[in-house]
Amino acid sequence: PAPPEPGKANLNICAAAVAQRFACLAATLEMPFKTNANGPTAADGWTLADCESMGRAALDAIAAVVPDLRQRAIERDALNGGSPKASRPAEDGKRQRRASRS
């Protein structure tokens, strides 16, 4: 299926909610806890070394796409008048303080 349009993600999913709220890259990393045909032997199971390797690979993949995502965000924000659509925590805090004063 195609990814949802910006601002239309299912916010019941944590990564989508974090990305929307903080205007940042967010992901859920699910680790397999069983062996498979391409993985370690059944006797070894999913090892600490496997976890470390998977974490490194995930960070390498994220680091590879961040520059492109930043550029796309800058271009998107320029089309939206210079401000990101996502709510920023500092702005929410200011709104809450203003609301509590009234």
PDB file of N, CA and C in Angstrom:
ATOM      1  N   PRO A   1       0.826  -1.198   0.000  1.00  0.00           N
ATOM      2  CA  PRO A   1       0.000   0.000   0.000  1.00  0.00           C
ATOM      3  C   PRO A   1       0.867   1.258   0.000  1.00  0.00           C
ATOM      4  N   ALA A   2       0.333   2.301  -0.547  1.00  0.00           N
ATOM      5  CA  ALA A   2       1.045   3.586  -0.601  1.00  0.00           C
ATOM      6  C   ALA A   2       1.084   4.208   0.794  1.00  0.00           C
ATOM      7  N   PRO A   3       2.161   4.937   1.107  1.00  0.00           N
ATOM      8  CA  PRO A   3       2.215   5.597   2.416  1.00  0.00           C
ATOM      9  C   PRO A   3       1.142   6.687   2.491  1.00  0.00           C
ATOM     10  N   PRO A   4       0.693   7.010   3.700  1.00  0.00           N
ATOM     11  CA  PRO A   4      -0.331   8.045   3.825  1.00  0.00           C
ATOM     12  C   PRO A   4       0.225   9.411   3.430  1.00  0.00           C
ATOM     13  N   GLU A   5      -0.651  10.292   3.026  1.00  0.00           N
ATOM     14  CA  GLU A   5      -0.250  11.657   2.698  1.00  0.00           C
ATOM     15  C   GLU A   5       0.242  12.333   3.968  1.00  0.00           C
ATOM     16  N   PRO A   6       1.096  13.363   3.841  1.00  0.00           N
ATOM     17  CA  PRO A   6       1.563  14.085   5.034  1.00  0.00           C
ATOM     18  C   PRO A   6       0.385  14.569   5.876  1.00  0.00           C
ATOM     19  N   GLY A   7       0.481  14.331   7.175  1.00  0.00           N
ATOM     20  CA  GLY A   7      -0.563  14.742   8.096  1.00  0.00           C
ATOM     21  C   GLY A   7      -1.747  13.800   8.171  1.00  0.00           C
ATOM     22  N   LYS A   8      -1.707  12.671   7.452  1.00  0.00           N
ATOM     23  CA  LYS A   8      -2.836  11.732   7.403  1.00  0.00           C
ATOM     24  C   LYS A   8      -2.490  10.369   7.994  1.00  0.00           C
ATOM     25  N   ALA A   9      -1.358  10.252   8.680  1.00  0.00           N
ATOM     26  CA  ALA A   9      -0.942   8.957   9.231  1.00  0.00           C
ATOM     27  C   ALA A   9      -1.832   8.553  10.399  1.00  0.00           C
ATOM     28  N   ASN A  10      -1.872   7.256  10.693  1.00  0.00           N
ATOM     29  CA  ASN A  10      -2.619   6.739  11.834  1.00  0.00           C
ATOM     30  C   ASN A  10      -1.844   7.077  13.105  1.00  0.00           C
ATOM     31  N   LEU A  11      -2.320   8.057  13.863  1.00  0.00           N
ATOM     32  CA  LEU A  11      -1.593   8.522  15.042  1.00  0.00           C
ATOM     33  C   LEU A  11      -1.739   7.584  16.234  1.00  0.00           C
ATOM     34  N   ASN A  12      -2.447   6.472  16.066  1.00  0.00           N
ATOM     35  CA  ASN A  12      -2.482   5.437  17.104  1.00  0.00           C
ATOM     36  C   ASN A  12      -1.203   4.605  17.076  1.00  0.00           C
ATOM     37  N   ILE A  13      -0.423   4.749  16.020  1.00  0.00           N
ATOM     38  CA  ILE A  13       0.855   4.057  15.915  1.00  0.00           C
ATOM     39  C   ILE A  13       1.922   5.006  16.445  1.00  0.00           C
ATOM     40  N   CYS A  14       2.688   4.545  17.421  1.00  0.00           N
ATOM     41  CA  CYS A  14       3.630   5.397  18.137  1.00  0.00           C
ATOM     42  C   CYS A  14       4.572   6.158  17.212  1.00  0.00           C
ATOM     43  N   ALA A  15       5.209   5.481  16.273  1.00  0.00           N
ATOM     44  CA  ALA A  15       6.175   6.157  15.394  1.00  0.00           C
ATOM     45  C   ALA A  15       5.503   7.268  14.599  1.00  0.00           C
ATOM     46  N   ALA A  16       4.279   7.048  14.144  1.00  0.00           N
ATOM     47  CA  ALA A  16       3.559   8.085  13.397  1.00  0.00           C
ATOM     48  C   ALA A  16       3.229   9.265  14.300  1.00  0.00           C
ATOM     49  N   ALA A  17       2.815   8.989  15.527  1.00  0.00           N
ATOM     50  CA  ALA A  17       2.479  10.059  16.469  1.00  0.00           C
ATOM     51  C   ALA A  17       3.714  10.883  16.825  1.00  0.00           C
ATOM     52  N   VAL A  18       4.843  10.226  17.062  1.00  0.00           N
ATOM     53  CA  VAL A  18       6.086  10.933  17.386  1.00  0.00           C
ATOM     54  C   VAL A  18       6.525  11.795  16.207  1.00  0.00           C
ATOM     55  N   ALA A  19       6.487  11.234  15.006  1.00  0.00           N
ATOM     56  CA  ALA A  19       6.884  11.986  13.812  1.00  0.00           C
ATOM     57  C   ALA A  19       5.997  13.208  13.617  1.00  0.00           C
ATOM     58  N   GLN A  20       4.697  13.053  13.805  1.00  0.00           N
ATOM     59  CA  GLN A  20       3.760  14.163  13.634  1.00  0.00           C
ATOM     60  C   GLN A  20       3.964  15.229  14.712  1.00  0.00           C
ATOM     61  N   ARG A  21       4.085  14.806  15.957  1.00  0.00           N
ATOM     62  CA  ARG A  21       4.173  15.733  17.094  1.00  0.00           C
ATOM     63  C   ARG A  21       5.462  16.532  17.083  1.00  0.00           C
ATOM     64  N   PHE A  22       6.584  15.874  16.776  1.00  0.00           N
ATOM     65  CA  PHE A  22       7.880  16.524  16.887  1.00  0.00           C
ATOM     66  C   PHE A  22       8.508  16.860  15.542  1.00  0.00           C
ATOM     67  N   ALA A  23       7.798  16.626  14.451  1.00  0.00           N
ATOM     68  CA  ALA A  23       8.293  16.912  13.093  1.00  0.00           C
ATOM     69  C   ALA A  23       9.687  16.318  12.905  1.00  0.00           C
ATOM     70  N   CYS A  24       9.797  15.019  13.184  1.00  0.00           N
ATOM     71  CA  CYS A  24      11.099  14.350  13.102  1.00  0.00           C
ATOM     72  C   CYS A  24      10.932  12.959  12.502  1.00  0.00           C
ATOM     73  N   LEU A  25      12.058  12.366  12.184  1.00  0.00           N
ATOM     74  CA  LEU A  25      12.062  10.983  11.733  1.00  0.00           C
ATOM     75  C   LEU A  25      11.760  10.091  12.933  1.00  0.00           C
ATOM     76  N   ALA A  26      10.861   9.162  12.766  1.00  0.00           N
ATOM     77  CA  ALA A  26      10.534   8.213  13.830  1.00  0.00           C
ATOM     78  C   ALA A  26      10.333   6.843  13.200  1.00  0.00           C
ATOM     79  N   ALA A  27      10.733   5.835  13.920  1.00  0.00           N
ATOM     80  CA  ALA A  27      10.608   4.474  13.388  1.00  0.00           C
ATOM     81  C   ALA A  27      10.407   3.500  14.535  1.00  0.00           C
ATOM     82  N   THR A  28       9.816   2.384  14.221  1.00  0.00           N
ATOM     83  CA  THR A  28       9.690   1.289  15.177  1.00  0.00           C
ATOM     84  C   THR A  28      10.614   0.180  14.695  1.00  0.00           C
ATOM     85  N   LEU A  29      11.508  -0.236  15.549  1.00  0.00           N
ATOM     86  CA  LEU A  29      12.441  -1.304  15.207  1.00  0.00           C
ATOM     87  C   LEU A  29      11.969  -2.575  15.901  1.00  0.00           C
ATOM     88  N   GLU A  30      11.530  -3.512  15.129  1.00  0.00           N
ATOM     89  CA  GLU A  30      11.081  -4.786  15.683  1.00  0.00           C
ATOM     90  C   GLU A  30      12.159  -5.824  15.462  1.00  0.00           C
ATOM     91  N   MET A  31      12.558  -6.443  16.544  1.00  0.00           N
ATOM     92  CA  MET A  31      13.641  -7.419  16.465  1.00  0.00           C
ATOM     93  C   MET A  31      13.089  -8.836  16.458  1.00  0.00           C
ATOM     94  N   PRO A  32      13.605  -9.665  15.571  1.00  0.00           N
ATOM     95  CA  PRO A  32      13.168 -11.068  15.587  1.00  0.00           C
ATOM     96  C   PRO A  32      13.803 -11.784  16.770  1.00  0.00           C
ATOM     97  N   PHE A  33      13.028 -12.575  17.460  1.00  0.00           N
ATOM     98  CA  PHE A  33      13.569 -13.310  18.595  1.00  0.00           C
ATOM     99  C   PHE A  33      13.605 -14.801  18.324  1.00  0.00           C
ATOM    100  N   LYS A  34      13.646 -15.142  17.054  1.00  0.00           N
ATOM    101  CA  LYS A  34      13.772 -16.550  16.701  1.00  0.00           C
ATOM    102  C   LYS A  34      14.715 -16.656  15.516  1.00  0.00           C
ATOM    103  N   THR A  35      15.201 -17.808  15.305  1.00  0.00           N
ATOM    104  CA  THR A  35      16.115 -18.019  14.194  1.00  0.00           C
ATOM    105  C   THR A  35      15.328 -18.223  12.911  1.00  0.00           C
ATOM    106  N   ASN A  36      16.015 -18.095  11.804  1.00  0.00           N
ATOM    107  CA  ASN A  36      15.398 -18.382  10.507  1.00  0.00           C
ATOM    108  C   ASN A  36      16.453 -19.036   9.624  1.00  0.00           C
ATOM    109  N   ALA A  37      16.084 -19.342   8.419  1.00  0.00           N
ATOM    110  CA  ALA A  37      16.992 -20.060   7.525  1.00  0.00           C
ATOM    111  C   ALA A  37      18.278 -19.277   7.267  1.00  0.00           C
ATOM    112  N   ASN A  38      18.219 -17.955   7.338  1.00  0.00           N
ATOM    113  CA  ASN A  38      19.399 -17.136   7.074  1.00  0.00           C
ATOM    114  C   ASN A  38      20.086 -16.662   8.354  1.00  0.00           C
ATOM    115  N   GLY A  39      19.556 -17.040   9.498  1.00  0.00           N
ATOM    116  CA  GLY A  39      20.066 -16.515  10.763  1.00  0.00           C
ATOM    117  C   GLY A  39      20.948 -17.497  11.509  1.00  0.00           C
ATOM    118  N   PRO A  40      21.151 -17.219  12.779  1.00  0.00           N
ATOM    119  CA  PRO A  40      21.997 -18.097  13.593  1.00  0.00           C
ATOM    120  C   PRO A  40      21.361 -19.475  13.778  1.00  0.00           C
ATOM    121  N   THR A  41      22.131 -20.377  14.298  1.00  0.00           N
ATOM    122  CA  THR A  41      21.619 -21.734  14.496  1.00  0.00           C
ATOM    123  C   THR A  41      20.592 -21.749  15.622  1.00  0.00           C
ATOM    124  N   ALA A  42      19.759 -22.760  15.633  1.00  0.00           N
ATOM    125  CA  ALA A  42      18.736 -22.874  16.671  1.00  0.00           C
ATOM    126  C   ALA A  42      19.369 -22.925  18.063  1.00  0.00           C
ATOM    127  N   ALA A  43      20.560 -23.505  18.179  1.00  0.00           N
ATOM    128  CA  ALA A  43      21.229 -23.595  19.471  1.00  0.00           C
ATOM    129  C   ALA A  43      21.644 -22.217  19.977  1.00  0.00           C
ATOM    130  N   ASP A  44      22.026 -21.330  19.058  1.00  0.00           N
ATOM    131  CA  ASP A  44      22.465 -19.997  19.457  1.00  0.00           C
ATOM    132  C   ASP A  44      21.288 -19.053  19.707  1.00  0.00           C
ATOM    133  N   GLY A  45      20.218 -19.198  18.946  1.00  0.00           N
ATOM    134  CA  GLY A  45      19.102 -18.275  19.074  1.00  0.00           C
ATOM    135  C   GLY A  45      19.498 -16.873  18.624  1.00  0.00           C
ATOM    136  N   TRP A  46      18.718 -15.905  19.010  1.00  0.00           N
ATOM    137  CA  TRP A  46      18.991 -14.503  18.677  1.00  0.00           C
ATOM    138  C   TRP A  46      19.945 -13.968  19.725  1.00  0.00           C
ATOM    139  N   THR A  47      21.164 -13.643  19.343  1.00  0.00           N
ATOM    140  CA  THR A  47      22.215 -13.315  20.295  1.00  0.00           C
ATOM    141  C   THR A  47      22.373 -11.809  20.480  1.00  0.00           C
ATOM    142  N   LEU A  48      23.122 -11.438  21.503  1.00  0.00           N
ATOM    143  CA  LEU A  48      23.435 -10.030  21.738  1.00  0.00           C
ATOM    144  C   LEU A  48      24.170  -9.446  20.535  1.00  0.00           C
ATOM    145  N   ALA A  49      25.068 -10.219  19.962  1.00  0.00           N
ATOM    146  CA  ALA A  49      25.795  -9.754  18.773  1.00  0.00           C
ATOM    147  C   ALA A  49      24.826  -9.495  17.613  1.00  0.00           C
ATOM    148  N   ASP A  50      23.806 -10.339  17.478  1.00  0.00           N
ATOM    149  CA  ASP A  50      22.793 -10.119  16.437  1.00  0.00           C
ATOM    150  C   ASP A  50      22.043  -8.817  16.689  1.00  0.00           C
ATOM    151  N   CYS A  51      21.699  -8.560  17.938  1.00  0.00           N
ATOM    152  CA  CYS A  51      20.999  -7.322  18.300  1.00  0.00           C
ATOM    153  C   CYS A  51      21.862  -6.110  17.960  1.00  0.00           C
ATOM    154  N   GLU A  52      23.132  -6.173  18.334  1.00  0.00           N
ATOM    155  CA  GLU A  52      24.046  -5.067  18.047  1.00  0.00           C
ATOM    156  C   GLU A  52      24.193  -4.844  16.551  1.00  0.00           C
ATOM    157  N   SER A  53      24.301  -5.926  15.810  1.00  0.00           N
ATOM    158  CA  SER A  53      24.438  -5.829  14.359  1.00  0.00           C
ATOM    159  C   SER A  53      23.187  -5.210  13.731  1.00  0.00           C
ATOM    160  N   MET A  54      22.021  -5.634  14.188  1.00  0.00           N
ATOM    161  CA  MET A  54      20.779  -5.089  13.659  1.00  0.00           C
ATOM    162  C   MET A  54      20.657  -3.597  13.993  1.00  0.00           C
ATOM    163  N   GLY A  55      21.019  -3.217  15.208  1.00  0.00           N
ATOM    164  CA  GLY A  55      20.990  -1.807  15.607  1.00  0.00           C
ATOM    165  C   GLY A  55      21.916  -0.964  14.756  1.00  0.00           C
ATOM    166  N   ARG A  56      23.134  -1.449  14.523  1.00  0.00           N
ATOM    167  CA  ARG A  56      24.090  -0.729  13.669  1.00  0.00           C
ATOM    168  C   ARG A  56      23.551  -0.576  12.259  1.00  0.00           C
ATOM    169  N   ALA A  57      22.991  -1.654  11.719  1.00  0.00           N
ATOM    170  CA  ALA A  57      22.458  -1.613  10.358  1.00  0.00           C
ATOM    171  C   ALA A  57      21.301  -0.619  10.263  1.00  0.00           C
ATOM    172  N   ALA A  58      20.436  -0.588  11.288  1.00  0.00           N
ATOM    173  CA  ALA A  58      19.314   0.356  11.285  1.00  0.00           C
ATOM    174  C   ALA A  58      19.829   1.790  11.329  1.00  0.00           C
ATOM    175  N   LEU A  59      20.800   2.062  12.176  1.00  0.00           N
ATOM    176  CA  LEU A  59      21.355   3.421  12.271  1.00  0.00           C
ATOM    177  C   LEU A  59      22.065   3.819  10.983  1.00  0.00           C
ATOM    178  N   ASP A  60      22.773   2.875  10.370  1.00  0.00           N
ATOM    179  CA  ASP A  60      23.422   3.170   9.081  1.00  0.00           C
ATOM    180  C   ASP A  60      22.384   3.541   8.024  1.00  0.00           C
ATOM    181  N   ALA A  61      21.281   2.798   7.993  1.00  0.00           N
ATOM    182  CA  ALA A  61      20.218   3.080   7.016  1.00  0.00           C
ATOM    183  C   ALA A  61      19.580   4.437   7.276  1.00  0.00           C
ATOM    184  N   ILE A  62      19.316   4.743   8.529  1.00  0.00           N
ATOM    185  CA  ILE A  62      18.725   6.042   8.879  1.00  0.00           C
ATOM    186  C   ILE A  62      19.685   7.170   8.515  1.00  0.00           C
ATOM    187  N   ALA A  63      20.960   7.014   8.866  1.00  0.00           N
ATOM    188  CA  ALA A  63      21.955   8.055   8.566  1.00  0.00           C
ATOM    189  C   ALA A  63      22.064   8.301   7.062  1.00  0.00           C
ATOM    190  N   ALA A  64      21.853   7.256   6.277  1.00  0.00           N
ATOM    191  CA  ALA A  64      21.958   7.398   4.821  1.00  0.00           C
ATOM    192  C   ALA A  64      20.821   8.224   4.226  1.00  0.00           C
ATOM    193  N   VAL A  65      19.646   8.211   4.856  1.00  0.00           N
ATOM    194  CA  VAL A  65      18.502   8.928   4.281  1.00  0.00           C
ATOM    195  C   VAL A  65      18.231  10.275   4.940  1.00  0.00           C
ATOM    196  N   VAL A  66      18.812  10.554   6.101  1.00  0.00           N
ATOM    197  CA  VAL A  66      18.516  11.805   6.814  1.00  0.00           C
ATOM    198  C   VAL A  66      18.802  13.050   5.970  1.00  0.00           C
ATOM    199  N   PRO A  67      19.928  13.155   5.281  1.00  0.00           N
ATOM    200  CA  PRO A  67      20.145  14.375   4.486  1.00  0.00           C
ATOM    201  C   PRO A  67      19.042  14.624   3.455  1.00  0.00           C
ATOM    202  N   ASP A  68      18.593  13.561   2.792  1.00  0.00           N
ATOM    203  CA  ASP A  68      17.522  13.709   1.807  1.00  0.00           C
ATOM    204  C   ASP A  68      16.214  14.111   2.482  1.00  0.00           C
ATOM    205  N   LEU A  69      15.920  13.524   3.644  1.00  0.00           N
ATOM    206  CA  LEU A  69      14.694  13.867   4.364  1.00  0.00           C
ATOM    207  C   LEU A  69      14.718  15.324   4.820  1.00  0.00           C
ATOM    208  N   ARG A  70      15.886  15.784   5.293  1.00  0.00           N
ATOM    209  CA  ARG A  70      15.996  17.184   5.710  1.00  0.00           C
ATOM    210  C   ARG A  70      15.739  18.119   4.535  1.00  0.00           C
ATOM    211  N   GLN A  71      16.333  17.799   3.383  1.00  0.00           N
ATOM    212  CA  GLN A  71      16.145  18.642   2.204  1.00  0.00           C
ATOM    213  C   GLN A  71      14.676  18.661   1.794  1.00  0.00           C
ATOM    214  N   ARG A  72      14.040  17.511   1.819  1.00  0.00           N
ATOM    215  CA  ARG A  72      12.611  17.453   1.466  1.00  0.00           C
ATOM    216  C   ARG A  72      11.775  18.259   2.457  1.00  0.00           C
ATOM    217  N   ALA A  73      12.131  18.205   3.738  1.00  0.00           N
ATOM    218  CA  ALA A  73      11.393  18.969   4.749  1.00  0.00           C
ATOM    219  C   ALA A  73      11.561  20.462   4.510  1.00  0.00           C
ATOM    220  N   ILE A  74      12.774  20.891   4.161  1.00  0.00           N
ATOM    221  CA  ILE A  74      13.017  22.304   3.878  1.00  0.00           C
ATOM    222  C   ILE A  74      12.180  22.745   2.683  1.00  0.00           C
ATOM    223  N   GLU A  75      12.168  21.933   1.645  1.00  0.00           N
ATOM    224  CA  GLU A  75      11.380  22.257   0.449  1.00  0.00           C
ATOM    225  C   GLU A  75       9.886  22.287   0.766  1.00  0.00           C
ATOM    226  N   ARG A  76       9.412  21.325   1.554  1.00  0.00           N
ATOM    227  CA  ARG A  76       7.998  21.289   1.937  1.00  0.00           C
ATOM    228  C   ARG A  76       7.623  22.517   2.750  1.00  0.00           C
ATOM    229  N   ASP A  77       8.487  22.863   3.711  1.00  0.00           N
ATOM    230  CA  ASP A  77       8.205  24.020   4.554  1.00  0.00           C
ATOM    231  C   ASP A  77       8.193  25.307   3.746  1.00  0.00           C
ATOM    232  N   ALA A  78       9.057  25.395   2.748  1.00  0.00           N
ATOM    233  CA  ALA A  78       9.079  26.585   1.892  1.00  0.00           C
ATOM    234  C   ALA A  78       7.760  26.710   1.138  1.00  0.00           C
ATOM    235  N   LEU A  79       7.203  25.591   0.703  1.00  0.00           N
ATOM    236  CA  LEU A  79       5.907  25.611   0.013  1.00  0.00           C
ATOM    237  C   LEU A  79       4.764  25.985   0.957  1.00  0.00           C
ATOM    238  N   ASN A  80       4.946  25.700   2.250  1.00  0.00           N
ATOM    239  CA  ASN A  80       3.909  25.990   3.252  1.00  0.00           C
ATOM    240  C   ASN A  80       4.133  27.336   3.936  1.00  0.00           C
ATOM    241  N   GLY A  81       4.870  28.219   3.306  1.00  0.00           N
ATOM    242  CA  GLY A  81       5.088  29.531   3.904  1.00  0.00           C
ATOM    243  C   GLY A  81       6.175  29.560   4.955  1.00  0.00           C
ATOM    244  N   GLY A  82       7.035  28.555   4.958  1.00  0.00           N
ATOM    245  CA  GLY A  82       8.187  28.566   5.859  1.00  0.00           C
ATOM    246  C   GLY A  82       7.977  27.913   7.204  1.00  0.00           C
ATOM    247  N   SER A  83       6.777  27.407   7.486  1.00  0.00           N
ATOM    248  CA  SER A  83       6.593  26.775   8.789  1.00  0.00           C
ATOM    249  C   SER A  83       6.145  25.334   8.616  1.00  0.00           C
ATOM    250  N   PRO A  84       6.745  24.434   9.400  1.00  0.00           N
ATOM    251  CA  PRO A  84       6.340  23.033   9.299  1.00  0.00           C
ATOM    252  C   PRO A  84       4.904  22.856   9.766  1.00  0.00           C
ATOM    253  N   LYS A  85       4.214  21.869   9.181  1.00  0.00           N
ATOM    254  CA  LYS A  85       2.829  21.619   9.565  1.00  0.00           C
ATOM    255  C   LYS A  85       2.728  20.960  10.932  1.00  0.00           C
ATOM    256  N   ALA A  86       3.738  20.210  11.308  1.00  0.00           N
ATOM    257  CA  ALA A  86       3.664  19.473  12.566  1.00  0.00           C
ATOM    258  C   ALA A  86       3.736  20.428  13.746  1.00  0.00           C
ATOM    259  N   SER A  87       3.086  20.055  14.810  1.00  0.00           N
ATOM    260  CA  SER A  87       3.093  20.846  16.032  1.00  0.00           C
ATOM    261  C   SER A  87       4.443  20.708  16.719  1.00  0.00           C
ATOM    262  N   ARG A  88       4.971  21.796  17.183  1.00  0.00           N
ATOM    263  CA  ARG A  88       6.243  21.769  17.904  1.00  0.00           C
ATOM    264  C   ARG A  88       5.976  21.826  19.402  1.00  0.00           C
ATOM    265  N   PRO A  89       6.737  21.063  20.214  1.00  0.00           N
ATOM    266  CA  PRO A  89       6.500  21.038  21.665  1.00  0.00           C
ATOM    267  C   PRO A  89       6.571  22.414  22.300  1.00  0.00           C
ATOM    268  N   ALA A  90       7.539  23.248  21.904  1.00  0.00           N
ATOM    269  CA  ALA A  90       7.667  24.579  22.510  1.00  0.00           C
ATOM    270  C   ALA A  90       6.429  25.417  22.225  1.00  0.00           C
ATOM    271  N   GLU A  91       5.906  25.317  21.017  1.00  0.00           N
ATOM    272  CA  GLU A  91       4.705  26.075  20.666  1.00  0.00           C
ATOM    273  C   GLU A  91       3.516  25.571  21.476  1.00  0.00           C
ATOM    274  N   ASP A  92       3.403  24.258  21.653  1.00  0.00           N
ATOM    275  CA  ASP A  92       2.303  23.711  22.441  1.00  0.00           C
ATOM    276  C   ASP A  92       2.384  24.201  23.878  1.00  0.00           C
ATOM    277  N   GLY A  93       3.595  24.220  24.432  1.00  0.00           N
ATOM    278  CA  GLY A  93       3.771  24.709  25.799  1.00  0.00           C
ATOM    279  C   GLY A  93       3.341  26.158  25.935  1.00  0.00           C
ATOM    280  N   LYS A  94       3.682  26.985  24.954  1.00  0.00           N
ATOM    281  CA  LYS A  94       3.272  28.395  24.989  1.00  0.00           C
ATOM    282  C   LYS A  94       1.755  28.509  24.925  1.00  0.00           C
ATOM    283  N   ARG A  95       1.124  27.714  24.049  1.00  0.00           N
ATOM    284  CA  ARG A  95      -0.335  27.743  23.935  1.00  0.00           C
ATOM    285  C   ARG A  95      -0.985  27.342  25.263  1.00  0.00           C
ATOM    286  N   GLN A  96      -0.434  26.315  25.894  1.00  0.00           N
ATOM    287  CA  GLN A  96      -1.009  25.853  27.142  1.00  0.00           C
ATOM    288  C   GLN A  96      -0.869  26.907  28.242  1.00  0.00           C
ATOM    289  N   ARG A  97       0.294  27.576  28.289  1.00  0.00           N
ATOM    290  CA  ARG A  97       0.488  28.615  29.306  1.00  0.00           C
ATOM    291  C   ARG A  97      -0.470  29.781  29.060  1.00  0.00           C
ATOM    292  N   ARG A  98      -0.620  30.160  27.770  1.00  0.00           N
ATOM    293  CA  ARG A  98      -1.548  31.266  27.445  1.00  0.00           C
ATOM    294  C   ARG A  98      -2.978  30.889  27.833  1.00  0.00           C
ATOM    295  N   ALA A  99      -3.363  29.660  27.526  1.00  0.00           N
ATOM    296  CA  ALA A  99      -4.720  29.223  27.831  1.00  0.00           C
ATOM    297  C   ALA A  99      -4.974  29.207  29.329  1.00  0.00           C
ATOM    298  N   SER A 100      -3.980  28.828  30.114  1.00  0.00           N
ATOM    299  CA  SER A 100      -4.168  28.759  31.566  1.00  0.00           C
ATOM    300  C   SER A 100      -4.239  30.144  32.186  1.00  0.00           C
ATOM    301  N   ARG A 101      -3.703  31.157  31.522  1.00  0.00           N
ATOM    302  CA  ARG A 101      -3.753  32.534  32.041  1.00  0.00           C
ATOM    303  C   ARG A 101      -5.118  33.165  31.812  1.00  0.00           C
ATOM    304  N   SER A 102      -5.847  32.705  30.781  1.00  0.00           N
ATOM    305  CA  SER A 102      -7.122  33.355  30.465  1.00  0.00           C
ATOM    306  C   SER A 102      -8.249  32.880  31.342  1.00  0.00           C
TER     307      SER A 102
END
